[in-house]
Amino acid sequence: MLTKSIAAGLAATALLATAAFAQQPPAATTDKAPTAATATTTSASDQWRGSKMSGVKVYNEANENIGSINDLLMDKSGNIKIAVIGVGGFLGMGEHLVAVPFDKLKFVNEPVAYTSTSQTNPPGRPASTTTTGAATGTDKAATTTSSASKWYPDHAVFNASKDELKNMPEFKYSE
């Protein structure tokens, strides 16, 4: 019992000494090279989180849902080059993955445009409304605070039909 107490005391002392040593101020240098703290920004209100881009719906110019973003692929410099879009399928079954150039996607913060007077509107949307979306482009001045605060766009626009995407070669991750 005494040896367990001594061992626990020695372990705690070692941890405390390590923490105290880690709190030593850094040595003064004469170099004025930028540090990581000065290179980072504290506000990123005009940025989107990559983790939130997965699942963003993709529409064509006719406002038809053609799929959703499954993944983003980047080069070794960190620039996003390819968007992997899932086309077709139901609940992930039978989905066809295609790779499209990322710069061919247009991102829009406003909901998809439609006009309806029936009661078959999407949940949460009143009847007889018109909203804007794919046809409006990517005008950042029209961004509302609610869409800017969610850290991802409402949807993307890619100029192709669902059938054209399904006929593209299937994207496969190499092993």
N, C-alpha and C. Protein backbone atom coordinates (compact mmCIF):
# COMPACT_ATOMS: atom_id res chain seq x y z
N MET A 1 0.83 -1.18 0.00
CA MET A 1 0.00 0.00 0.00
C MET A 1 0.87 1.24 0.00
N LEU A 2 1.94 1.22 0.82
CA LEU A 2 2.85 2.36 0.90
C LEU A 2 3.59 2.55 -0.42
N THR A 3 3.95 1.45 -1.07
CA THR A 3 4.66 1.57 -2.35
C THR A 3 3.76 2.16 -3.43
N LYS A 4 2.46 1.85 -3.39
CA LYS A 4 1.53 2.44 -4.37
C LYS A 4 1.43 3.94 -4.15
N SER A 5 1.39 4.36 -2.90
CA SER A 5 1.31 5.79 -2.58
C SER A 5 2.57 6.52 -3.02
N ILE A 6 3.72 5.91 -2.79
CA ILE A 6 4.99 6.52 -3.20
C ILE A 6 5.07 6.61 -4.72
N ALA A 7 4.66 5.54 -5.41
CA ALA A 7 4.70 5.54 -6.87
C ALA A 7 3.76 6.60 -7.44
N ALA A 8 2.58 6.73 -6.85
CA ALA A 8 1.62 7.73 -7.31
C ALA A 8 2.15 9.13 -7.06
N GLY A 9 2.81 9.34 -5.90
CA GLY A 9 3.39 10.64 -5.57
C GLY A 9 4.51 11.00 -6.53
N LEU A 10 5.37 10.04 -6.87
CA LEU A 10 6.46 10.29 -7.82
C LEU A 10 5.92 10.61 -9.21
N ALA A 11 4.88 9.90 -9.63
CA ALA A 11 4.28 10.15 -10.94
C ALA A 11 3.67 11.54 -10.99
N ALA A 12 2.98 11.93 -9.93
CA ALA A 12 2.36 13.26 -9.89
C ALA A 12 3.43 14.35 -9.89
N THR A 13 4.52 14.14 -9.15
CA THR A 13 5.61 15.11 -9.12
C THR A 13 6.23 15.26 -10.50
N ALA A 14 6.43 14.15 -11.19
CA ALA A 14 7.00 14.20 -12.54
C ALA A 14 6.09 14.96 -13.49
N LEU A 15 4.78 14.74 -13.39
CA LEU A 15 3.84 15.45 -14.26
C LEU A 15 3.84 16.94 -13.96
N LEU A 16 3.85 17.31 -12.69
CA LEU A 16 3.87 18.72 -12.32
C LEU A 16 5.16 19.39 -12.77
N ALA A 17 6.28 18.71 -12.63
CA ALA A 17 7.56 19.28 -13.05
C ALA A 17 7.58 19.48 -14.55
N THR A 18 7.01 18.55 -15.30
CA THR A 18 6.95 18.68 -16.75
C THR A 18 6.09 19.87 -17.15
N ALA A 19 4.95 20.05 -16.48
CA ALA A 19 4.07 21.18 -16.78
C ALA A 19 4.75 22.49 -16.43
N ALA A 20 5.46 22.55 -15.32
CA ALA A 20 6.15 23.78 -14.92
C ALA A 20 7.27 24.09 -15.90
N PHE A 21 8.00 23.09 -16.35
CA PHE A 21 9.07 23.30 -17.31
C PHE A 21 8.53 23.81 -18.65
N ALA A 22 7.36 23.31 -19.05
CA ALA A 22 6.76 23.71 -20.32
C ALA A 22 6.30 25.16 -20.28
N GLN A 23 6.12 25.74 -19.09
CA GLN A 23 5.65 27.10 -18.97
C GLN A 23 6.78 28.12 -18.95
N GLN A 24 8.03 27.68 -19.13
CA GLN A 24 9.16 28.60 -19.19
C GLN A 24 8.99 29.54 -20.37
N PRO A 25 9.31 30.85 -20.22
CA PRO A 25 9.19 31.77 -21.35
C PRO A 25 10.20 31.40 -22.43
N PRO A 26 9.86 31.63 -23.71
CA PRO A 26 10.79 31.29 -24.78
C PRO A 26 12.01 32.19 -24.75
N ALA A 27 13.10 31.67 -25.25
CA ALA A 27 14.33 32.45 -25.31
C ALA A 27 14.15 33.59 -26.30
N ALA A 28 14.72 34.75 -25.99
CA ALA A 28 14.61 35.92 -26.86
C ALA A 28 15.45 35.71 -28.11
N THR A 29 14.88 36.09 -29.24
CA THR A 29 15.61 35.98 -30.50
C THR A 29 15.67 37.35 -31.15
N THR A 30 16.62 37.52 -32.01
CA THR A 30 16.75 38.80 -32.72
C THR A 30 16.03 38.75 -34.05
N ASP A 31 15.63 37.56 -34.51
CA ASP A 31 14.90 37.44 -35.78
C ASP A 31 13.49 37.96 -35.61
N LYS A 32 12.98 38.58 -36.63
CA LYS A 32 11.60 39.08 -36.62
C LYS A 32 10.76 38.31 -37.65
N ALA A 33 11.00 37.02 -37.76
CA ALA A 33 10.24 36.19 -38.69
C ALA A 33 8.80 36.08 -38.22
N PRO A 34 7.83 36.02 -39.15
CA PRO A 34 6.43 35.90 -38.74
C PRO A 34 6.20 34.57 -38.05
N THR A 35 5.41 34.59 -37.01
CA THR A 35 5.06 33.38 -36.29
C THR A 35 3.70 32.90 -36.73
N ALA A 36 3.33 31.72 -36.30
CA ALA A 36 2.01 31.19 -36.64
C ALA A 36 0.92 32.06 -36.06
N ALA A 37 1.16 32.66 -34.90
CA ALA A 37 0.15 33.50 -34.27
C ALA A 37 -0.11 34.77 -35.09
N THR A 38 0.92 35.31 -35.72
CA THR A 38 0.72 36.53 -36.51
C THR A 38 0.20 36.22 -37.90
N ALA A 39 0.37 34.99 -38.36
CA ALA A 39 -0.05 34.63 -39.71
C ALA A 39 -1.52 34.24 -39.78
N THR A 40 -2.12 33.87 -38.66
CA THR A 40 -3.51 33.44 -38.69
C THR A 40 -4.44 34.63 -38.53
N THR A 41 -5.66 34.44 -39.01
CA THR A 41 -6.66 35.49 -38.85
C THR A 41 -7.61 35.10 -37.74
N THR A 42 -8.22 36.10 -37.14
CA THR A 42 -9.17 35.82 -36.06
C THR A 42 -10.60 35.82 -36.56
N SER A 43 -10.82 36.25 -37.79
CA SER A 43 -12.17 36.28 -38.34
C SER A 43 -12.15 35.64 -39.72
N ALA A 44 -13.08 34.74 -39.96
CA ALA A 44 -13.18 34.07 -41.25
C ALA A 44 -14.63 34.09 -41.71
N SER A 45 -15.28 35.23 -41.60
CA SER A 45 -16.70 35.31 -41.89
C SER A 45 -17.02 35.10 -43.36
N ASP A 46 -16.05 35.29 -44.25
CA ASP A 46 -16.31 35.10 -45.67
C ASP A 46 -15.80 33.75 -46.18
N GLN A 47 -15.53 32.82 -45.29
CA GLN A 47 -15.00 31.51 -45.65
C GLN A 47 -16.03 30.43 -45.40
N TRP A 48 -15.85 29.28 -46.05
CA TRP A 48 -16.70 28.12 -45.82
C TRP A 48 -15.85 27.00 -45.25
N ARG A 49 -16.44 26.22 -44.37
CA ARG A 49 -15.73 25.08 -43.79
C ARG A 49 -15.80 23.89 -44.73
N GLY A 50 -14.64 23.29 -44.98
CA GLY A 50 -14.59 22.13 -45.85
C GLY A 50 -15.40 20.97 -45.31
N SER A 51 -15.43 20.81 -44.00
CA SER A 51 -16.19 19.71 -43.39
C SER A 51 -17.69 19.86 -43.61
N LYS A 52 -18.17 21.07 -43.85
CA LYS A 52 -19.59 21.31 -44.07
C LYS A 52 -19.99 21.19 -45.54
N MET A 53 -19.02 21.07 -46.45
CA MET A 53 -19.32 21.01 -47.88
C MET A 53 -19.87 19.65 -48.30
N SER A 54 -19.54 18.61 -47.55
CA SER A 54 -20.07 17.29 -47.88
C SER A 54 -21.57 17.29 -47.66
N GLY A 55 -22.31 16.89 -48.68
CA GLY A 55 -23.76 16.85 -48.60
C GLY A 55 -24.45 18.05 -49.22
N VAL A 56 -23.68 19.07 -49.63
CA VAL A 56 -24.30 20.24 -50.27
C VAL A 56 -24.92 19.79 -51.59
N LYS A 57 -26.17 20.13 -51.80
CA LYS A 57 -26.90 19.74 -53.02
C LYS A 57 -26.31 20.45 -54.23
N VAL A 58 -26.36 19.77 -55.38
CA VAL A 58 -25.89 20.33 -56.65
C VAL A 58 -27.08 20.36 -57.60
N TYR A 59 -27.31 21.52 -58.19
CA TYR A 59 -28.39 21.72 -59.15
C TYR A 59 -27.78 22.11 -60.49
N ASN A 60 -28.56 21.94 -61.57
CA ASN A 60 -28.11 22.44 -62.87
C ASN A 60 -28.74 23.81 -63.12
N GLU A 61 -28.48 24.39 -64.28
CA GLU A 61 -28.98 25.73 -64.59
C GLU A 61 -30.51 25.78 -64.66
N ALA A 62 -31.17 24.62 -64.84
CA ALA A 62 -32.63 24.57 -64.88
C ALA A 62 -33.22 24.32 -63.49
N ASN A 63 -32.40 24.45 -62.45
CA ASN A 63 -32.82 24.26 -61.06
C ASN A 63 -33.28 22.83 -60.77
N GLU A 64 -32.74 21.85 -61.48
CA GLU A 64 -33.03 20.44 -61.22
C GLU A 64 -31.94 19.88 -60.31
N ASN A 65 -32.33 19.19 -59.26
CA ASN A 65 -31.35 18.58 -58.36
C ASN A 65 -30.66 17.44 -59.11
N ILE A 66 -29.33 17.53 -59.25
CA ILE A 66 -28.60 16.50 -59.99
C ILE A 66 -27.69 15.66 -59.10
N GLY A 67 -27.61 15.98 -57.82
CA GLY A 67 -26.78 15.19 -56.91
C GLY A 67 -26.35 16.00 -55.71
N SER A 68 -25.31 15.51 -55.02
CA SER A 68 -24.76 16.23 -53.88
C SER A 68 -23.25 15.96 -53.79
N ILE A 69 -22.56 16.90 -53.18
CA ILE A 69 -21.11 16.77 -53.03
C ILE A 69 -20.81 15.71 -51.98
N ASN A 70 -20.00 14.72 -52.37
CA ASN A 70 -19.59 13.67 -51.44
C ASN A 70 -18.21 13.94 -50.86
N ASP A 71 -17.34 14.56 -51.66
CA ASP A 71 -15.96 14.75 -51.22
C ASP A 71 -15.32 15.85 -52.03
N LEU A 72 -14.27 16.44 -51.49
CA LEU A 72 -13.46 17.42 -52.20
C LEU A 72 -12.03 16.92 -52.21
N LEU A 73 -11.40 16.94 -53.36
CA LEU A 73 -10.02 16.46 -53.49
C LEU A 73 -9.11 17.65 -53.79
N MET A 74 -7.97 17.71 -53.10
CA MET A 74 -7.06 18.83 -53.29
C MET A 74 -5.68 18.34 -53.71
N ASP A 75 -4.91 19.27 -54.28
CA ASP A 75 -3.54 18.93 -54.65
C ASP A 75 -2.64 19.09 -53.42
N LYS A 76 -1.35 18.84 -53.60
CA LYS A 76 -0.43 18.89 -52.47
C LYS A 76 -0.21 20.30 -51.94
N SER A 77 -0.63 21.30 -52.69
CA SER A 77 -0.53 22.68 -52.24
C SER A 77 -1.74 23.09 -51.40
N GLY A 78 -2.76 22.25 -51.34
CA GLY A 78 -3.95 22.55 -50.57
C GLY A 78 -5.06 23.19 -51.37
N ASN A 79 -4.89 23.31 -52.69
CA ASN A 79 -5.92 23.89 -53.54
C ASN A 79 -6.91 22.81 -53.94
N ILE A 80 -8.19 23.08 -53.76
CA ILE A 80 -9.23 22.11 -54.12
C ILE A 80 -9.32 22.06 -55.64
N LYS A 81 -9.19 20.86 -56.20
CA LYS A 81 -9.19 20.68 -57.64
C LYS A 81 -10.41 19.93 -58.15
N ILE A 82 -10.93 18.98 -57.35
CA ILE A 82 -12.00 18.10 -57.84
C ILE A 82 -13.10 18.00 -56.78
N ALA A 83 -14.33 18.03 -57.24
CA ALA A 83 -15.48 17.75 -56.37
C ALA A 83 -16.03 16.39 -56.81
N VAL A 84 -16.20 15.49 -55.86
CA VAL A 84 -16.79 14.19 -56.14
C VAL A 84 -18.27 14.32 -55.83
N ILE A 85 -19.11 14.11 -56.86
CA ILE A 85 -20.55 14.30 -56.73
C ILE A 85 -21.23 12.93 -56.82
N GLY A 86 -22.14 12.69 -55.90
CA GLY A 86 -22.95 11.47 -55.92
C GLY A 86 -24.22 11.73 -56.70
N VAL A 87 -24.46 10.91 -57.73
CA VAL A 87 -25.61 11.08 -58.61
C VAL A 87 -26.50 9.85 -58.51
N GLY A 88 -27.80 10.07 -58.40
CA GLY A 88 -28.76 8.96 -58.39
C GLY A 88 -28.71 8.19 -57.09
N GLY A 89 -29.32 7.06 -57.11
CA GLY A 89 -29.36 6.20 -55.93
C GLY A 89 -30.39 6.67 -54.92
N PHE A 90 -30.55 5.86 -53.90
CA PHE A 90 -31.47 6.16 -52.82
C PHE A 90 -30.83 5.73 -51.51
N LEU A 91 -30.66 6.65 -50.60
CA LEU A 91 -30.01 6.41 -49.32
C LEU A 91 -28.64 5.76 -49.48
N GLY A 92 -27.89 6.23 -50.48
CA GLY A 92 -26.55 5.73 -50.69
C GLY A 92 -26.46 4.46 -51.51
N MET A 93 -27.59 3.81 -51.79
CA MET A 93 -27.58 2.57 -52.58
C MET A 93 -27.73 2.93 -54.05
N GLY A 94 -26.86 2.40 -54.88
CA GLY A 94 -26.93 2.64 -56.32
C GLY A 94 -26.43 4.01 -56.74
N GLU A 95 -25.75 4.71 -55.84
CA GLU A 95 -25.24 6.04 -56.16
C GLU A 95 -24.03 5.92 -57.09
N HIS A 96 -23.96 6.80 -58.07
CA HIS A 96 -22.89 6.84 -59.06
C HIS A 96 -22.02 8.05 -58.72
N LEU A 97 -20.74 7.83 -58.40
CA LEU A 97 -19.83 8.92 -58.08
C LEU A 97 -19.12 9.40 -59.34
N VAL A 98 -19.10 10.72 -59.54
CA VAL A 98 -18.37 11.30 -60.66
C VAL A 98 -17.48 12.42 -60.13
N ALA A 99 -16.35 12.63 -60.80
CA ALA A 99 -15.43 13.68 -60.43
C ALA A 99 -15.58 14.83 -61.43
N VAL A 100 -15.81 16.03 -60.91
CA VAL A 100 -15.95 17.21 -61.77
C VAL A 100 -14.93 18.25 -61.31
N PRO A 101 -14.43 19.07 -62.23
CA PRO A 101 -13.50 20.12 -61.82
C PRO A 101 -14.17 21.08 -60.84
N PHE A 102 -13.50 21.36 -59.75
CA PHE A 102 -14.07 22.21 -58.71
C PHE A 102 -14.38 23.61 -59.23
N ASP A 103 -13.53 24.11 -60.14
CA ASP A 103 -13.75 25.47 -60.64
C ASP A 103 -14.94 25.58 -61.59
N LYS A 104 -15.54 24.46 -61.97
CA LYS A 104 -16.75 24.48 -62.81
C LYS A 104 -18.02 24.59 -61.97
N LEU A 105 -17.91 24.47 -60.66
CA LEU A 105 -19.05 24.63 -59.77
C LEU A 105 -19.22 26.09 -59.39
N LYS A 106 -20.46 26.55 -59.36
CA LYS A 106 -20.78 27.88 -58.86
C LYS A 106 -21.53 27.68 -57.55
N PHE A 107 -21.12 28.38 -56.51
CA PHE A 107 -21.77 28.24 -55.22
C PHE A 107 -22.70 29.41 -54.97
N VAL A 108 -23.88 29.09 -54.44
CA VAL A 108 -24.94 30.07 -54.24
C VAL A 108 -25.41 29.99 -52.79
N ASN A 109 -25.60 31.15 -52.18
CA ASN A 109 -26.06 31.20 -50.79
C ASN A 109 -27.58 31.24 -50.68
N GLU A 110 -28.27 31.66 -51.74
CA GLU A 110 -29.73 31.77 -51.70
C GLU A 110 -30.37 30.43 -52.06
N PRO A 111 -31.57 30.16 -51.55
CA PRO A 111 -32.28 28.93 -51.91
C PRO A 111 -32.57 28.86 -53.40
N VAL A 112 -32.85 27.66 -53.90
CA VAL A 112 -33.13 27.43 -55.31
C VAL A 112 -34.39 28.17 -55.73
N ALA A 113 -34.39 28.73 -56.93
CA ALA A 113 -35.53 29.51 -57.43
C ALA A 113 -36.67 28.58 -57.84
N TYR A 114 -37.86 28.94 -57.41
CA TYR A 114 -39.07 28.27 -57.86
C TYR A 114 -40.24 29.19 -57.61
N THR A 115 -41.32 29.00 -58.35
CA THR A 115 -42.56 29.75 -58.12
C THR A 115 -43.67 28.72 -58.02
N SER A 116 -44.48 28.86 -56.98
CA SER A 116 -45.53 27.86 -56.76
C SER A 116 -46.74 28.53 -56.13
N THR A 117 -47.92 28.06 -56.52
CA THR A 117 -49.14 28.53 -55.88
C THR A 117 -49.90 27.37 -55.26
N SER A 118 -49.33 26.18 -55.31
CA SER A 118 -50.02 25.02 -54.76
C SER A 118 -49.57 24.80 -53.32
N GLN A 119 -50.20 23.86 -52.67
CA GLN A 119 -49.85 23.52 -51.30
C GLN A 119 -48.75 22.45 -51.25
N THR A 120 -48.08 22.16 -52.38
CA THR A 120 -47.05 21.14 -52.42
C THR A 120 -45.67 21.73 -52.26
N ASN A 121 -45.56 22.87 -51.62
CA ASN A 121 -44.26 23.50 -51.40
C ASN A 121 -43.43 22.67 -50.44
N PRO A 122 -42.10 22.86 -50.45
CA PRO A 122 -41.26 22.15 -49.49
C PRO A 122 -41.65 22.53 -48.06
N PRO A 123 -41.39 21.66 -47.09
CA PRO A 123 -41.75 21.96 -45.70
C PRO A 123 -41.13 23.28 -45.26
N GLY A 124 -41.91 24.08 -44.57
CA GLY A 124 -41.42 25.34 -44.07
C GLY A 124 -41.54 26.50 -45.03
N ARG A 125 -42.02 26.27 -46.26
CA ARG A 125 -42.15 27.33 -47.23
C ARG A 125 -43.64 27.61 -47.45
N PRO A 126 -44.06 28.87 -47.36
CA PRO A 126 -45.47 29.19 -47.58
C PRO A 126 -45.83 29.08 -49.05
N ALA A 127 -47.14 28.93 -49.34
CA ALA A 127 -47.62 28.86 -50.72
C ALA A 127 -47.49 30.22 -51.37
N SER A 128 -47.47 30.27 -52.71
CA SER A 128 -47.39 31.48 -53.52
C SER A 128 -46.15 32.31 -53.20
N THR A 129 -44.99 31.66 -53.22
CA THR A 129 -43.76 32.39 -52.99
C THR A 129 -42.80 32.20 -54.15
N THR A 130 -41.91 33.14 -54.29
CA THR A 130 -40.84 33.03 -55.27
C THR A 130 -39.54 33.28 -54.54
N THR A 131 -38.59 32.38 -54.71
CA THR A 131 -37.27 32.59 -54.13
C THR A 131 -36.25 32.58 -55.24
N THR A 132 -35.07 33.05 -54.95
CA THR A 132 -34.01 33.09 -55.96
C THR A 132 -32.98 32.05 -55.64
N GLY A 133 -32.18 31.69 -56.65
CA GLY A 133 -31.17 30.67 -56.40
C GLY A 133 -30.23 30.51 -57.55
N ALA A 134 -30.25 29.37 -58.20
CA ALA A 134 -29.24 29.00 -59.17
C ALA A 134 -29.09 30.03 -60.28
N ALA A 135 -30.16 30.61 -60.71
CA ALA A 135 -30.08 31.55 -61.82
C ALA A 135 -29.45 32.88 -61.43
N THR A 136 -29.30 33.14 -60.13
CA THR A 136 -28.78 34.43 -59.70
C THR A 136 -27.27 34.49 -59.63
N GLY A 137 -26.57 33.36 -59.66
CA GLY A 137 -25.12 33.39 -59.60
C GLY A 137 -24.62 33.41 -58.17
N THR A 138 -23.44 34.00 -57.97
CA THR A 138 -22.81 33.97 -56.66
C THR A 138 -22.59 35.38 -56.12
N ASP A 139 -23.60 36.20 -56.16
CA ASP A 139 -23.50 37.57 -55.69
C ASP A 139 -23.39 37.58 -54.17
N LYS A 140 -22.21 37.95 -53.65
CA LYS A 140 -22.00 37.93 -52.21
C LYS A 140 -22.75 39.04 -51.50
N ALA A 141 -23.12 40.11 -52.21
CA ALA A 141 -23.85 41.19 -51.58
C ALA A 141 -25.25 40.74 -51.16
N ALA A 142 -25.78 39.73 -51.82
CA ALA A 142 -27.13 39.26 -51.52
C ALA A 142 -27.14 38.24 -50.38
N THR A 143 -25.98 37.94 -49.81
CA THR A 143 -25.90 36.96 -48.75
C THR A 143 -26.57 37.50 -47.50
N THR A 144 -27.45 36.71 -46.93
CA THR A 144 -28.10 37.11 -45.69
C THR A 144 -27.27 36.63 -44.51
N THR A 145 -27.54 37.17 -43.35
CA THR A 145 -26.76 36.78 -42.18
C THR A 145 -26.98 35.33 -41.81
N SER A 146 -28.17 34.79 -42.07
CA SER A 146 -28.42 33.40 -41.70
C SER A 146 -27.63 32.44 -42.58
N SER A 147 -27.52 32.72 -43.89
CA SER A 147 -26.76 31.82 -44.75
C SER A 147 -25.27 32.02 -44.57
N ALA A 148 -24.83 33.22 -44.18
CA ALA A 148 -23.41 33.44 -43.95
C ALA A 148 -22.97 32.79 -42.64
N SER A 149 -23.87 32.66 -41.69
CA SER A 149 -23.48 32.13 -40.39
C SER A 149 -23.46 30.60 -40.36
N LYS A 150 -23.94 29.93 -41.40
CA LYS A 150 -23.95 28.47 -41.35
C LYS A 150 -22.67 27.85 -41.90
N TRP A 151 -21.72 28.64 -42.39
CA TRP A 151 -20.39 28.22 -42.80
C TRP A 151 -20.35 27.32 -44.04
N TYR A 152 -21.42 27.30 -44.83
CA TYR A 152 -21.41 26.58 -46.09
C TYR A 152 -22.47 27.19 -46.99
N PRO A 153 -22.34 27.02 -48.31
CA PRO A 153 -23.33 27.59 -49.23
C PRO A 153 -24.62 26.80 -49.20
N ASP A 154 -25.69 27.42 -49.72
CA ASP A 154 -26.97 26.73 -49.79
C ASP A 154 -26.89 25.58 -50.78
N HIS A 155 -26.29 25.82 -51.95
CA HIS A 155 -26.16 24.77 -52.96
C HIS A 155 -25.10 25.17 -53.98
N ALA A 156 -24.78 24.22 -54.84
CA ALA A 156 -23.85 24.46 -55.94
C ALA A 156 -24.60 24.29 -57.25
N VAL A 157 -24.06 24.92 -58.31
CA VAL A 157 -24.65 24.81 -59.64
C VAL A 157 -23.59 24.25 -60.58
N PHE A 158 -23.95 23.20 -61.31
CA PHE A 158 -23.07 22.60 -62.31
C PHE A 158 -23.87 22.44 -63.59
N ASN A 159 -23.32 22.87 -64.70
CA ASN A 159 -24.06 22.89 -65.96
C ASN A 159 -24.05 21.51 -66.62
N ALA A 160 -24.90 20.63 -66.15
CA ALA A 160 -25.07 19.29 -66.73
C ALA A 160 -26.39 18.73 -66.25
N SER A 161 -26.94 17.80 -67.01
CA SER A 161 -28.16 17.13 -66.56
C SER A 161 -27.79 15.91 -65.73
N LYS A 162 -28.76 15.37 -65.03
CA LYS A 162 -28.52 14.17 -64.23
C LYS A 162 -28.08 13.01 -65.12
N ASP A 163 -28.70 12.88 -66.30
CA ASP A 163 -28.33 11.81 -67.22
C ASP A 163 -26.90 11.97 -67.72
N GLU A 164 -26.48 13.22 -68.00
CA GLU A 164 -25.10 13.45 -68.44
C GLU A 164 -24.11 13.05 -67.35
N LEU A 165 -24.43 13.36 -66.10
CA LEU A 165 -23.54 12.96 -65.01
C LEU A 165 -23.51 11.45 -64.83
N LYS A 166 -24.67 10.80 -64.96
CA LYS A 166 -24.71 9.34 -64.83
C LYS A 166 -23.90 8.66 -65.93
N ASN A 167 -23.81 9.29 -67.11
CA ASN A 167 -23.06 8.72 -68.22
C ASN A 167 -21.56 9.00 -68.14
N MET A 168 -21.14 9.86 -67.22
CA MET A 168 -19.72 10.12 -67.03
C MET A 168 -19.05 8.90 -66.41
N PRO A 169 -17.75 8.74 -66.61
CA PRO A 169 -17.06 7.59 -65.99
C PRO A 169 -17.17 7.66 -64.47
N GLU A 170 -17.37 6.50 -63.86
CA GLU A 170 -17.51 6.46 -62.41
C GLU A 170 -16.17 6.72 -61.74
N PHE A 171 -16.21 7.57 -60.71
CA PHE A 171 -15.01 7.88 -59.95
C PHE A 171 -14.79 6.80 -58.90
N LYS A 172 -13.56 6.31 -58.80
CA LYS A 172 -13.21 5.31 -57.79
C LYS A 172 -11.96 5.78 -57.09
N TYR A 173 -11.97 5.66 -55.78
CA TYR A 173 -10.78 5.98 -55.00
C TYR A 173 -9.75 4.89 -55.21
N SER A 174 -8.52 5.26 -55.54
CA SER A 174 -7.48 4.24 -55.73
C SER A 174 -7.03 3.76 -54.37
N GLU A 175 -6.68 2.53 -54.30
CA GLU A 175 -6.31 1.93 -53.01
C GLU A 175 -4.85 2.03 -52.77
